[in-house]
Amino acid sequence: MTDQATATLYCVVKITTIGDKDPETEVFWEGPDIQELSQKYPPSEVFGADELGHHEIEGGHIRWSYAFHKFETGRWIVCEDPRVQLRQGLSGLEREIDAENRRMFPGDFLDEEDYEDVYELECPDCGSPYCDGYCPERWEMEEQWAHERAEVEREEVELQALDEAIQTHEAQTEEWEKWAAEYYGSSLKARLVRAQHWLARHLRRAWQRLRR
């Protein structure tokens, strides 16, 4: 930076940072004419349109920004952006960048009425308009549903195993009944076997009613 004992002198310092390395600085512009600075590098409120604003590429790996200094009392001191707006309305470049910003990031341009429209629908689980369907109440309900489904599946497996056991017992009882009828005729043992068959059949019907 040049030390000059003249009218207020300004300079713009470019700060470039690559990754985690120490930033590098260089004098980007120097002079006393704020009008010239404002004409050459006009300020802008449109994100990304101000050439002397913050910029980054490669996902933020390479970043550069600008700092403003003025020469006062024999030394350079940091100061606020001294530029002034010399034109009215947006330039053609600003309008293009603004349109691209609105296309890429529409949520950044919602006003209060837009937010009311967006969030007028509430979550059916917790009643909040901000959870987007991923609230803790919904997670707890889904965990409960999963537990209940697992219990139902376990009970179905047990009932199926019991049904198969009853069917096997009935088949064996029928075989024993036939054998007993042939061997014992109408004796007491044959009647007992028939009683077992009757009991197994009614147990199976009872389980079928429970499964309904």
Protein backbone atom coordinates (compact mmCIF):
# COMPACT_ATOMS: atom_id res chain seq x y z
CA MET A 1 0.00 0.00 0.00
CA THR A 2 1.33 3.43 -0.91
CA ASP A 3 1.73 6.00 1.89
CA GLN A 4 0.55 9.33 0.50
CA ALA A 5 -0.10 12.50 2.48
CA THR A 6 -2.96 13.68 0.30
CA ALA A 7 -6.72 13.83 0.48
CA THR A 8 -8.40 10.72 1.81
CA LEU A 9 -7.02 7.78 -0.09
CA TYR A 10 -8.86 4.48 -0.35
CA CYS A 11 -7.85 0.98 -1.37
CA VAL A 12 -9.57 -2.33 -1.86
CA VAL A 13 -7.73 -5.44 -0.70
CA LYS A 14 -8.59 -8.80 -2.26
CA ILE A 15 -8.37 -11.74 0.15
CA THR A 16 -8.05 -15.19 -1.41
CA THR A 17 -8.27 -18.38 0.67
CA ILE A 18 -7.65 -21.87 -0.68
CA GLY A 19 -8.72 -24.70 1.62
CA ASP A 20 -7.14 -24.41 5.06
CA LYS A 21 -4.13 -22.41 3.87
CA ASP A 22 -3.42 -18.94 5.14
CA PRO A 23 -5.24 -16.28 3.08
CA GLU A 24 -3.32 -14.31 0.47
CA THR A 25 -3.92 -10.58 0.05
CA GLU A 26 -3.32 -8.15 -2.77
CA VAL A 27 -4.25 -4.56 -3.49
CA PHE A 28 -7.11 -4.75 -5.98
CA TRP A 29 -7.78 -1.02 -6.35
CA GLU A 30 -6.32 2.17 -4.91
CA GLY A 31 -7.24 5.82 -5.33
CA PRO A 32 -9.00 8.83 -3.83
CA ASP A 33 -11.96 8.91 -6.22
CA ILE A 34 -14.95 7.10 -4.70
CA GLN A 35 -17.05 7.98 -7.75
CA GLU A 36 -14.56 6.13 -9.97
CA LEU A 37 -14.61 3.11 -7.64
CA SER A 38 -18.41 3.12 -7.55
CA GLN A 39 -18.62 3.43 -11.34
CA LYS A 40 -16.12 0.65 -12.04
CA TYR A 41 -17.34 -1.74 -9.33
CA PRO A 42 -20.90 -0.68 -8.47
CA PRO A 43 -22.39 -1.99 -5.22
CA SER A 44 -25.34 -4.36 -5.49
CA GLU A 45 -27.84 -5.90 -3.11
CA VAL A 46 -28.43 -8.83 -5.49
CA PHE A 47 -26.67 -11.91 -4.16
CA GLY A 48 -23.66 -12.74 -6.34
CA ALA A 49 -23.87 -9.57 -8.44
CA ASP A 50 -21.43 -7.43 -6.45
CA GLU A 51 -17.95 -7.98 -7.86
CA LEU A 52 -16.46 -6.84 -4.56
CA GLY A 53 -18.64 -9.14 -2.47
CA HIS A 54 -17.88 -12.62 -1.15
CA HIS A 55 -17.44 -15.34 -3.75
CA GLU A 56 -16.47 -19.02 -3.66
CA ILE A 57 -16.09 -21.95 -6.01
CA GLU A 58 -15.48 -25.72 -5.80
CA GLY A 59 -17.86 -26.10 -2.88
CA GLY A 60 -16.15 -23.34 -0.89
CA HIS A 61 -12.64 -24.74 -1.30
CA ILE A 62 -11.57 -21.53 -3.02
CA ARG A 63 -12.96 -18.33 -1.51
CA TRP A 64 -12.31 -14.68 -2.06
CA SER A 65 -13.64 -11.51 -0.52
CA TYR A 66 -12.69 -7.84 -0.36
CA ALA A 67 -11.82 -5.45 2.44
CA PHE A 68 -11.91 -1.65 2.27
CA HIS A 69 -9.23 0.56 3.80
CA LYS A 70 -8.61 4.26 3.99
CA PHE A 71 -5.39 6.14 4.69
CA GLU A 72 -5.84 8.27 7.76
CA THR A 73 -3.50 9.79 10.37
CA GLY A 74 -0.50 8.33 8.61
CA ARG A 75 -1.73 4.72 8.43
CA TRP A 76 -4.15 2.40 6.67
CA ILE A 77 -7.24 1.47 8.67
CA VAL A 78 -10.17 -0.79 7.82
CA CYS A 79 -13.34 1.12 6.94
CA GLU A 80 -16.89 0.52 5.76
CA ASP A 81 -17.62 0.09 2.07
CA PRO A 82 -17.30 3.68 0.76
CA ARG A 83 -19.03 3.05 -2.56
CA VAL A 84 -22.24 4.81 -3.50
CA GLN A 85 -25.06 3.79 -5.82
CA LEU A 86 -24.86 5.91 -8.97
CA ARG A 87 -27.73 4.37 -10.93
CA GLN A 88 -31.40 3.72 -10.36
CA GLY A 89 -32.89 0.26 -10.67
CA LEU A 90 -31.12 -2.98 -11.55
CA SER A 91 -28.66 -3.40 -14.38
CA GLY A 92 -29.19 -6.07 -17.02
CA LEU A 93 -26.61 -8.32 -15.33
CA GLU A 94 -28.26 -7.88 -11.95
CA ARG A 95 -31.65 -8.82 -13.39
CA GLU A 96 -30.17 -11.99 -14.92
CA ILE A 97 -28.47 -12.98 -11.66
CA ASP A 98 -31.61 -12.18 -9.65
CA ALA A 99 -33.74 -14.33 -11.97
CA GLU A 100 -31.27 -17.22 -11.61
CA ASN A 101 -31.26 -16.84 -7.82
CA ARG A 102 -35.05 -16.96 -7.72
CA ARG A 103 -35.04 -20.07 -9.91
CA MET A 104 -32.39 -21.88 -7.87
CA PHE A 105 -33.42 -20.71 -4.36
CA PRO A 106 -37.16 -19.81 -4.45
CA GLY A 107 -37.50 -20.17 -0.68
CA ASP A 108 -35.16 -17.20 -0.13
CA PHE A 109 -37.63 -14.85 -1.79
CA LEU A 110 -40.85 -15.63 0.13
CA ASP A 111 -42.52 -12.77 1.98
CA GLU A 112 -44.64 -13.15 5.13
CA GLU A 113 -47.82 -13.88 3.17
CA ASP A 114 -46.03 -16.56 1.18
CA TYR A 115 -44.82 -18.19 4.39
CA GLU A 116 -48.38 -18.24 5.73
CA ASP A 117 -49.52 -20.03 2.57
CA VAL A 118 -46.66 -22.53 2.71
CA TYR A 119 -47.16 -23.41 6.38
CA GLU A 120 -50.97 -23.32 6.58
CA LEU A 121 -51.05 -27.13 6.41
CA GLU A 122 -50.26 -28.78 9.73
CA CYS A 123 -48.72 -32.18 10.35
CA PRO A 124 -51.53 -34.71 10.93
CA ASP A 125 -49.44 -36.43 13.64
CA CYS A 126 -48.17 -33.61 15.85
CA GLY A 127 -50.13 -30.60 14.57
CA SER A 128 -46.97 -28.58 13.87
CA PRO A 129 -46.62 -26.79 10.49
CA TYR A 130 -42.82 -27.06 10.61
CA CYS A 131 -41.99 -30.76 10.93
CA ASP A 132 -42.56 -31.70 7.23
CA GLY A 133 -43.93 -35.09 8.31
CA TYR A 134 -40.74 -36.10 10.16
CA CYS A 135 -41.76 -35.26 13.71
CA PRO A 136 -40.78 -37.29 16.82
CA GLU A 137 -44.44 -38.19 17.35
CA ARG A 138 -44.55 -39.83 13.92
CA TRP A 139 -41.31 -41.73 14.59
CA GLU A 140 -42.76 -43.07 17.85
CA MET A 141 -45.98 -44.09 16.10
CA GLU A 142 -44.08 -45.87 13.32
CA GLU A 143 -42.01 -47.75 15.93
CA GLN A 144 -45.22 -48.75 17.72
CA TRP A 145 -46.79 -49.90 14.45
CA ALA A 146 -43.71 -51.97 13.62
CA HIS A 147 -43.82 -53.59 17.08
CA GLU A 148 -47.51 -54.40 16.70
CA ARG A 149 -46.98 -55.88 13.23
CA ALA A 150 -44.21 -58.09 14.61
CA GLU A 151 -46.51 -59.29 17.43
CA VAL A 152 -49.29 -60.13 14.93
CA GLU A 153 -46.86 -62.03 12.71
CA ARG A 154 -45.53 -63.97 15.72
CA GLU A 155 -49.07 -64.89 16.80
CA GLU A 156 -49.92 -66.00 13.25
CA VAL A 157 -46.89 -68.30 13.21
CA GLU A 158 -47.87 -69.79 16.59
CA LEU A 159 -51.48 -70.32 15.48
CA GLN A 160 -50.33 -71.97 12.27
CA ALA A 161 -48.06 -74.33 14.24
CA LEU A 162 -50.93 -75.15 16.60
CA ASP A 163 -53.28 -75.78 13.67
CA GLU A 164 -50.78 -78.16 12.10
CA ALA A 165 -50.38 -79.98 15.42
CA ILE A 166 -54.17 -80.38 15.77
CA GLN A 167 -54.44 -81.68 12.20
CA THR A 168 -51.67 -84.18 12.88
CA HIS A 169 -53.38 -85.28 16.10
CA GLU A 170 -56.72 -85.70 14.28
CA ALA A 171 -55.11 -87.84 11.60
CA GLN A 172 -53.46 -90.01 14.24
CA THR A 173 -56.74 -90.24 16.18
CA GLU A 174 -58.61 -91.37 13.08
CA GLU A 175 -56.03 -94.07 12.49
CA TRP A 176 -56.28 -95.19 16.11
CA GLU A 177 -60.07 -95.12 15.93
CA LYS A 178 -60.13 -97.35 12.88
CA TRP A 179 -57.67 -99.75 14.47
CA ALA A 180 -59.58 -99.78 17.77
CA ALA A 181 -62.92 -100.36 16.03
CA GLU A 182 -61.49 -103.33 14.18
CA TYR A 183 -59.69 -104.76 17.21
CA TYR A 184 -62.01 -103.91 20.10
CA GLY A 185 -65.32 -103.34 18.40
CA SER A 186 -67.60 -101.33 20.69
CA SER A 187 -65.46 -101.85 23.77
CA LEU A 188 -64.60 -99.13 26.30
CA LYS A 189 -61.21 -98.42 24.73
CA ALA A 190 -62.85 -97.74 21.37
CA ARG A 191 -65.20 -95.26 23.02
CA LEU A 192 -62.24 -93.52 24.69
CA VAL A 193 -60.47 -93.19 21.35
CA ARG A 194 -63.60 -91.70 19.81
CA ALA A 195 -63.81 -89.27 22.73
CA GLN A 196 -60.23 -88.14 22.06
CA HIS A 197 -61.11 -87.58 18.42
CA TRP A 198 -64.16 -85.55 19.40
CA LEU A 199 -62.08 -83.42 21.80
CA ALA A 200 -59.40 -82.71 19.16
CA ARG A 201 -62.03 -81.71 16.63
CA HIS A 202 -63.66 -79.26 19.02
CA LEU A 203 -60.29 -77.79 20.03
CA ARG A 204 -59.54 -77.11 16.39
CA ARG A 205 -62.89 -75.39 15.90
CA ALA A 206 -62.28 -73.25 19.02
CA TRP A 207 -58.91 -72.06 17.70
CA GLN A 208 -60.46 -71.27 14.34
CA ARG A 209 -63.04 -69.04 16.05
CA LEU A 210 -60.28 -67.28 17.99
CA ARG A 211 -58.36 -66.57 14.77
CA ARG A 212 -61.38 -64.78 13.34
